[in-house]
Protein backbone atom coordinates (compact mmCIF):
# COMPACT_ATOMS: atom_id res chain seq x y z
CA MET A 1 0.00 0.00 0.00
CA GLU A 2 1.10 3.55 -0.65
CA ALA A 3 0.81 6.31 1.89
CA THR A 4 0.94 10.02 1.37
CA PRO A 5 3.52 12.01 3.37
CA ASN A 6 1.11 12.57 6.27
CA LYS A 7 0.59 8.80 6.51
CA ARG A 8 -2.79 8.84 4.76
CA LEU A 9 -3.32 5.99 2.33
CA LEU A 10 -3.46 7.48 -1.15
CA GLN A 11 -5.87 4.84 -2.39
CA LEU A 12 -8.40 5.59 0.36
CA ASP A 13 -8.30 9.30 -0.44
CA PHE A 14 -8.97 8.25 -4.03
CA LEU A 15 -12.08 6.41 -2.85
CA ARG A 16 -13.16 9.48 -0.87
CA GLY A 17 -12.68 11.50 -4.03
CA MET A 18 -14.94 9.14 -5.95
CA ALA A 19 -17.51 9.38 -3.17
CA ILE A 20 -17.69 13.18 -3.26
CA ILE A 21 -17.85 13.17 -7.07
CA LEU A 22 -20.89 10.89 -6.80
CA VAL A 23 -22.46 13.34 -4.33
CA LEU A 24 -21.85 16.22 -6.76
CA LEU A 25 -23.52 14.17 -9.49
CA ARG A 26 -26.49 13.60 -7.21
CA HIS A 27 -27.10 17.25 -6.46
CA LYS A 28 -26.40 18.81 -9.87
CA LYS A 29 -27.82 17.06 -12.90
CA LEU A 30 -25.40 15.86 -15.52
CA PHE A 31 -27.50 12.95 -16.77
CA SER A 32 -30.66 11.43 -15.33
CA PHE A 33 -28.93 8.22 -14.28
CA THR A 34 -26.17 10.13 -12.45
CA VAL A 35 -28.79 11.87 -10.32
CA THR A 36 -30.48 8.52 -9.69
CA MET A 37 -27.29 6.78 -8.52
CA GLY A 38 -25.34 9.69 -7.02
CA TRP A 39 -26.74 9.12 -3.53
CA ILE A 40 -24.52 6.06 -3.15
CA GLY A 41 -21.59 8.41 -2.57
CA VAL A 42 -22.87 8.98 0.97
CA ASP A 43 -22.92 5.22 1.58
CA LEU A 44 -19.34 4.96 0.37
CA PHE A 45 -18.43 7.75 2.81
CA PHE A 46 -20.16 5.80 5.59
CA VAL A 47 -18.19 2.61 4.92
CA LEU A 48 -14.91 4.52 4.75
CA SER A 49 -15.71 6.47 7.93
CA GLY A 50 -16.57 3.28 9.78
CA PHE A 51 -13.23 1.79 8.77
CA LEU A 52 -11.04 4.84 9.35
CA VAL A 53 -12.57 6.12 12.58
CA SER A 54 -12.77 2.74 14.30
CA GLY A 55 -9.22 2.11 13.11
CA LEU A 56 -8.07 5.05 15.24
CA LEU A 57 -9.48 3.38 18.34
CA PHE A 58 -8.23 -0.08 17.41
CA LYS A 59 -4.70 1.26 16.89
CA GLU A 60 -4.87 3.13 20.18
CA TYR A 61 -5.94 -0.05 21.97
CA GLN A 62 -3.18 -2.11 20.35
CA LYS A 63 -0.61 0.49 21.40
CA PHE A 64 -1.74 1.16 24.99
CA GLY A 65 -4.18 -1.61 25.94
CA ASN A 66 -6.88 1.02 26.47
CA ILE A 67 -8.52 4.03 24.81
CA LYS A 68 -9.47 7.53 25.92
CA PRO A 69 -12.99 8.13 24.56
CA GLY A 70 -12.98 11.78 25.65
CA LEU A 71 -9.79 12.54 23.74
CA PHE A 72 -11.15 10.71 20.71
CA LEU A 73 -14.35 12.79 20.71
CA ILE A 74 -12.50 16.07 21.24
CA ARG A 75 -10.26 15.33 18.27
CA ARG A 76 -13.28 14.46 16.11
CA GLY A 77 -14.90 17.70 17.22
CA PHE A 78 -11.95 19.77 16.00
CA LYS A 79 -12.27 18.01 12.64
CA ILE A 80 -16.05 18.31 12.24
CA TYR A 81 -17.46 21.33 14.07
CA PRO A 82 -15.48 24.42 12.94
CA LEU A 83 -16.13 23.95 9.23
CA TYR A 84 -19.70 22.81 9.80
CA TYR A 85 -20.70 25.82 11.88
CA LEU A 86 -18.83 28.22 9.60
CA THR A 87 -20.57 27.01 6.45
CA TYR A 88 -23.92 26.56 8.20
CA GLY A 89 -24.27 30.32 8.48
CA ILE A 90 -24.16 30.58 4.69
CA TYR A 91 -27.16 28.28 4.36
CA CYS A 92 -29.17 30.41 6.81
CA ILE A 93 -28.88 33.57 4.68
CA PRO A 94 -31.70 32.81 2.18
CA PHE A 95 -34.05 31.85 5.03
CA LEU A 96 -33.24 35.08 6.87
CA LEU A 97 -33.76 37.18 3.75
CA TYR A 98 -37.22 35.72 3.26
CA GLY A 99 -38.05 35.76 6.99
CA GLN A 100 -38.69 32.04 7.08
CA LEU A 101 -36.05 30.74 9.49
CA ALA A 102 -37.53 28.17 11.91
CA TRP A 103 -35.30 28.28 14.96
CA ASP A 104 -36.35 24.90 16.33
CA LYS A 105 -35.15 23.29 13.11
CA VAL A 106 -31.94 25.30 13.23
CA VAL A 107 -31.27 24.00 16.74
CA ALA A 108 -31.84 20.46 15.49
CA ASP A 109 -29.29 21.06 12.74
CA LEU A 110 -26.76 22.58 15.11
CA LEU A 111 -27.06 19.79 17.67
CA PHE A 112 -27.06 17.01 15.08
CA PHE A 113 -30.45 15.46 15.62
CA GLN A 114 -31.98 16.86 12.42
CA ASN A 115 -32.25 13.40 10.90
CA TYR A 116 -34.88 12.53 13.53
CA TYR A 117 -36.46 15.97 13.92
CA ASN A 118 -36.59 17.13 10.29
CA GLY A 119 -35.80 14.02 8.28
CA TRP A 120 -33.32 15.75 6.00
CA GLY A 121 -31.27 18.66 7.27
CA TYR A 122 -33.12 21.96 7.42
CA THR A 123 -31.08 24.83 5.95
CA TYR A 124 -28.41 22.43 4.72
CA VAL A 125 -30.34 19.42 3.46
CA ALA A 126 -27.40 17.01 3.23
CA SER A 127 -26.45 17.50 6.89
CA TRP A 128 -28.58 14.49 7.87
CA SER A 129 -25.60 12.26 7.03
CA LEU A 130 -23.37 14.26 9.37
CA ALA A 131 -25.86 13.58 12.16
CA VAL A 132 -25.59 9.84 11.49
CA GLU A 133 -21.81 10.08 11.65
CA GLU A 134 -21.90 12.11 14.88
CA HIS A 135 -24.13 9.52 16.54
CA PHE A 136 -21.75 6.84 15.32
CA TYR A 137 -18.68 8.60 16.78
CA PHE A 138 -20.26 8.94 20.21
CA GLY A 139 -21.70 5.42 20.16
CA LEU A 140 -18.41 3.88 19.05
CA ALA A 141 -16.38 5.68 21.71
CA ILE A 142 -18.82 4.89 24.51
CA VAL A 143 -19.42 1.24 23.57
CA PHE A 144 -15.81 0.35 22.81
CA GLY A 145 -14.60 2.22 25.88
CA GLY A 146 -17.16 0.34 27.99
CA LEU A 147 -16.10 -3.02 26.58
CA LEU A 148 -12.47 -2.34 27.47
CA VAL A 149 -13.23 -1.75 31.16
CA SER A 150 -15.41 -4.85 31.39
CA ARG A 151 -14.16 -7.96 33.14
CA TYR A 152 -14.91 -9.77 29.86
CA LYS A 153 -12.68 -7.47 27.82
CA ASN A 154 -10.65 -10.29 26.28
CA HIS A 155 -13.80 -12.13 25.25
CA TRP A 156 -15.27 -9.01 23.64
CA ILE A 157 -12.09 -8.25 21.71
CA ALA A 158 -11.67 -11.83 20.52
CA ASN A 159 -15.27 -12.09 19.32
CA LEU A 160 -16.12 -8.54 18.28
CA ASP A 161 -16.61 -9.51 14.65
CA LYS A 162 -19.31 -12.03 15.59
CA TYR A 163 -21.23 -9.43 17.58
CA LEU A 164 -20.92 -6.92 14.75
CA ILE A 165 -22.40 -9.43 12.30
CA VAL A 166 -25.31 -10.04 14.69
CA MET A 167 -25.86 -6.27 14.89
CA LEU A 168 -25.86 -5.98 11.09
CA LEU A 169 -28.50 -8.67 10.80
CA LEU A 170 -30.58 -7.12 13.58
CA ILE A 171 -30.53 -3.69 11.92
CA LEU A 172 -31.59 -5.26 8.62
CA VAL A 173 -34.61 -6.81 10.33
CA ILE A 174 -35.49 -3.58 12.12
CA ARG A 175 -35.16 -1.61 8.89
CA GLY A 176 -37.37 -4.05 7.03
CA ILE A 177 -40.09 -3.83 9.66
CA THR A 178 -39.81 -0.03 9.79
CA VAL A 179 -39.97 0.46 6.02
CA TYR A 180 -43.03 -1.73 5.68
CA THR A 181 -44.64 0.03 8.64
CA ASN A 182 -43.81 3.61 7.56
CA GLU A 183 -44.09 2.95 3.84
CA ALA A 184 -41.17 3.71 1.56
CA SER A 185 -42.15 7.37 1.11
CA SER A 186 -40.97 8.24 4.63
CA ILE A 187 -37.76 10.28 4.64
CA HIS A 188 -36.86 8.77 8.01
CA ASN A 189 -36.31 5.35 6.42
CA ILE A 190 -33.33 6.92 4.67
CA THR A 191 -31.98 9.27 7.34
CA ASN A 192 -32.54 7.80 10.81
CA THR A 193 -29.33 6.66 12.44
CA HIS A 194 -30.59 3.34 13.79
CA LEU A 195 -31.67 2.37 10.26
CA ARG A 196 -28.47 3.46 8.50
CA ILE A 197 -25.66 2.85 10.97
CA ASP A 198 -25.09 -0.65 9.60
CA THR A 199 -23.31 0.96 6.64
CA LEU A 200 -20.80 2.39 9.12
CA LEU A 201 -20.63 -0.82 11.13
CA ILE A 202 -19.54 -2.83 8.08
CA GLY A 203 -16.56 -0.47 7.96
CA VAL A 204 -15.91 -1.23 11.62
CA LEU A 205 -16.05 -4.95 10.83
CA ILE A 206 -13.50 -4.60 8.01
CA SER A 207 -11.34 -2.48 10.34
CA TYR A 208 -11.48 -5.13 13.07
CA TRP A 209 -10.43 -7.87 10.67
CA TYR A 210 -7.72 -5.62 9.22
CA TYR A 211 -6.14 -4.77 12.58
CA PHE A 212 -6.76 -7.98 14.55
CA LYS A 213 -6.98 -10.77 11.98
CA LYS A 214 -5.07 -9.36 9.05
CA GLU A 215 -3.33 -12.52 7.85
CA ASP A 216 -6.58 -14.52 7.78
CA LEU A 217 -8.22 -11.64 5.94
CA ARG A 218 -5.39 -11.47 3.43
CA VAL A 219 -5.51 -15.23 2.77
CA PHE A 220 -9.26 -15.03 2.19
CA PHE A 221 -8.90 -12.02 -0.09
CA VAL A 222 -6.12 -13.53 -2.22
CA LYS A 223 -8.11 -16.72 -2.68
CA TYR A 224 -11.41 -15.10 -3.66
CA GLN A 225 -10.52 -11.62 -4.94
CA GLN A 226 -11.75 -12.10 -8.50
CA PHE A 227 -15.02 -13.63 -7.35
CA LEU A 228 -15.47 -10.86 -4.79
CA LEU A 229 -15.05 -8.16 -7.43
CA VAL A 230 -17.74 -9.75 -9.59
CA ILE A 231 -20.04 -9.86 -6.55
CA ALA A 232 -19.29 -6.19 -5.77
CA LEU A 233 -20.19 -5.10 -9.29
CA ALA A 234 -23.36 -7.18 -9.28
CA LEU A 235 -24.51 -5.78 -5.95
CA VAL A 236 -24.13 -2.16 -7.08
CA SER A 237 -25.53 -2.65 -10.59
CA PHE A 238 -29.10 -1.61 -9.71
CA THR A 239 -28.16 1.93 -8.63
CA PRO A 240 -28.39 3.76 -12.01
CA PHE A 241 -31.90 2.40 -12.60
CA VAL A 242 -33.77 2.48 -9.29
CA LYS A 243 -34.56 5.69 -7.42
CA MET A 244 -33.90 5.60 -3.70
CA GLU A 245 -37.02 7.53 -2.73
CA ASN A 246 -40.18 5.44 -2.55
CA SER A 247 -38.32 2.17 -3.20
CA VAL A 248 -38.92 -0.56 -0.65
CA PHE A 249 -36.16 -2.61 -2.25
CA VAL A 250 -33.52 0.13 -1.97
CA GLN A 251 -34.49 1.05 1.58
CA THR A 252 -34.20 -2.54 2.77
CA PHE A 253 -31.96 -4.90 0.80
CA GLY A 254 -30.59 -2.16 -1.46
CA PHE A 255 -28.72 -0.57 1.43
CA LEU A 256 -27.43 -4.04 2.38
CA PHE A 257 -26.22 -4.72 -1.17
CA LEU A 258 -24.46 -1.37 -1.27
CA TYR A 259 -22.50 -1.71 1.93
CA LEU A 260 -21.47 -5.25 1.04
CA SER A 261 -20.28 -4.01 -2.36
CA PHE A 262 -18.36 -1.10 -0.86
CA ALA A 263 -16.87 -3.35 1.83
CA ILE A 264 -15.45 -5.55 -0.92
CA VAL A 265 -14.11 -2.50 -2.77
CA LEU A 266 -12.51 -1.30 0.46
CA LEU A 267 -10.87 -4.70 0.95
CA TYR A 268 -9.53 -4.56 -2.58
CA PHE A 269 -8.06 -1.10 -2.05
CA LEU A 270 -6.51 -2.16 1.26
CA LEU A 271 -5.06 -5.54 0.37
CA LYS A 272 -4.24 -5.40 -3.34
CA GLU A 273 -0.49 -4.88 -3.26
CA ASP A 274 -0.27 -3.04 -6.60
CA ILE A 275 -3.47 -1.03 -6.27
CA VAL A 276 -1.83 2.39 -6.81
CA PRO A 277 0.01 1.37 -10.03
CA LYS A 278 -3.25 -0.18 -11.22
CA LEU A 279 -5.10 3.08 -10.60
CA HIS A 280 -2.39 4.93 -12.50
CA SER A 281 -2.66 2.55 -15.44
CA VAL A 282 -6.45 2.78 -15.59
CA PHE A 283 -6.95 6.51 -14.95
CA SER A 284 -3.45 8.02 -15.45
CA LYS A 285 -1.29 9.58 -12.74
CA PRO A 286 -2.64 13.15 -13.14
CA ILE A 287 -6.26 12.03 -12.76
CA VAL A 288 -5.45 9.84 -9.76
CA ALA A 289 -3.59 12.75 -8.17
CA LEU A 290 -6.53 15.10 -8.81
CA VAL A 291 -9.17 12.69 -7.45
CA THR A 292 -6.95 12.01 -4.42
CA LYS A 293 -6.63 15.73 -3.73
CA ILE A 294 -10.40 16.07 -4.06
CA GLY A 295 -10.78 13.16 -1.64
CA TYR A 296 -8.48 14.81 0.89
CA SER A 297 -10.79 17.85 0.84
CA ALA A 298 -14.02 15.85 0.55
CA TYR A 299 -15.53 17.04 3.84
CA SER A 300 -15.16 20.71 2.95
CA ILE A 301 -16.50 20.12 -0.56
CA TYR A 302 -19.47 18.26 0.90
CA LEU A 303 -20.26 21.20 3.17
CA ILE A 304 -20.03 23.93 0.54
CA HIS A 305 -21.35 22.36 -2.68
CA LEU A 306 -25.08 22.90 -2.11
CA ALA A 307 -24.47 26.59 -1.41
CA VAL A 308 -22.58 26.83 -4.70
CA ASN A 309 -25.43 25.10 -6.51
CA TYR A 310 -27.98 27.49 -4.99
CA ILE A 311 -25.98 30.60 -5.88
CA PHE A 312 -25.42 29.35 -9.41
CA LYS A 313 -29.13 28.62 -9.86
CA THR A 314 -30.03 32.07 -8.53
CA ILE A 315 -27.61 33.84 -10.86
CA MET A 316 -28.85 31.88 -13.85
CA SER A 317 -32.50 32.65 -13.09
CA LEU A 318 -31.81 36.38 -12.62
CA TYR A 319 -29.49 37.10 -15.52
CA PHE A 320 -30.04 34.45 -18.17
CA GLU A 321 -33.25 33.71 -20.02
CA TRP A 322 -32.17 30.44 -21.62
CA PRO A 323 -31.52 27.09 -19.94
CA ILE A 324 -27.87 26.18 -19.54
CA ASN A 325 -26.47 22.92 -20.86
CA PRO A 326 -26.29 20.37 -17.98
CA ILE A 327 -22.67 19.53 -18.79
CA VAL A 328 -21.69 23.20 -18.54
CA GLY A 329 -23.70 23.69 -15.36
CA PHE A 330 -22.24 20.64 -13.69
CA THR A 331 -18.71 21.55 -14.72
CA ILE A 332 -18.97 25.10 -13.38
CA THR A 333 -20.58 24.22 -10.05
CA SER A 334 -18.31 21.24 -9.44
CA CYS A 335 -15.13 23.16 -10.21
CA VAL A 336 -16.18 26.03 -7.94
CA SER A 337 -17.21 23.63 -5.16
CA ILE A 338 -13.95 21.69 -5.40
CA CYS A 339 -11.80 24.85 -5.43
CA LEU A 340 -13.63 26.37 -2.46
CA GLY A 341 -13.50 23.04 -0.61
CA ILE A 342 -9.76 22.73 -1.13
CA LEU A 343 -9.30 26.33 0.02
CA LEU A 344 -11.32 25.68 3.19
CA THR A 345 -9.40 22.48 3.87
CA TYR A 346 -5.98 24.09 3.63
CA THR A 347 -6.94 27.20 5.59
CA VAL A 348 -9.76 26.80 8.13
CA GLU A 349 -9.56 23.04 8.63
CA ALA A 350 -5.77 23.01 8.66
CA TYR A 351 -5.70 25.73 11.32
CA PHE A 352 -8.01 23.84 13.67
CA LEU A 353 -6.24 20.52 13.07
CA ARG A 354 -2.90 22.12 13.98
CA LEU A 355 -4.50 23.54 17.10
CA ARG A 356 -5.96 20.13 17.90
CA ASP A 357 -2.65 18.33 17.47
CA GLN A 358 -0.86 20.85 19.69
CA ARG A 359 -3.34 20.66 22.55
CA PHE A 360 -4.77 17.16 22.17
CA PRO A 361 -2.11 14.94 20.54
CA SER A 362 -3.24 11.67 19.01
CA ARG A 363 -2.46 8.47 20.87
CA SER A 364 -2.92 6.31 17.79
CA ALA A 365 -0.45 8.08 15.49
């Protein structure tokens, strides 16, 4: 595997780049099928987050025999909150101008329970996924920290993968019951944490195998890698053709198919020894470098892109009488979103991460 100078794996930043590109395709029409399938970018983010974030705790445990949940949550806060609250103010401006700002919904957004209170986010619609991730961070730190102070710590660590698989199955059952009870038109089937956290937990499962049972995982991967890739492609093949909203299939087994597919892709990117040269041969070095850079700034791009889309739409409606070509519109909004996201990453985010590392050094580095 190849790591960037700050010890990030280049290939995982490439996957993050692909995820944010899918999100951009979801929220600004290029073609009809790209809008239909673009939502899967969030699921790819979930799987990657589950892997990467739990990996921080697993590495800390392997190094010290314990974890500090408070330190973990503080460090996540420095990563998530400054940019979120900074950009959130931008999304409030149109509501304030029209005198339509509902403060109860704003509070829900700011405290990260909008996915239960509003369904989607309120001023920033896509913030529902950030709420899911926040709940995951707190739950992971509390549960894993609790397991490590239990008298059965060794049992929990040795069998964590079995319990995670049971949880995945349980969430699938709960989601199925909920979807059939609520009907597929309910936004909450898509956004509620307890119905979507399995996509993060599959990342935790891969992370556990990677850090605690790596050789067994590698042997399995080498033996079945070609078959697994075929399965991954088959599981994701429905996404350009089936809309997520109002689909019982997508909201039940579709989510399952997706996280299994992305888990396989993650395994491939982790364990394939020549993955970076393969990416270079398929896409070329400049494109891989660009997508990787986009992936490094994916969080900032995710936060700012809907504001860019809104401003672009407003300008077009005020000053242009003819419809713009979708390719041109997508290119303009995506380029602006990516440039602004990179700028925010290397200024605002970098400042707070330096501050974090000075005052709250990582134990897992």
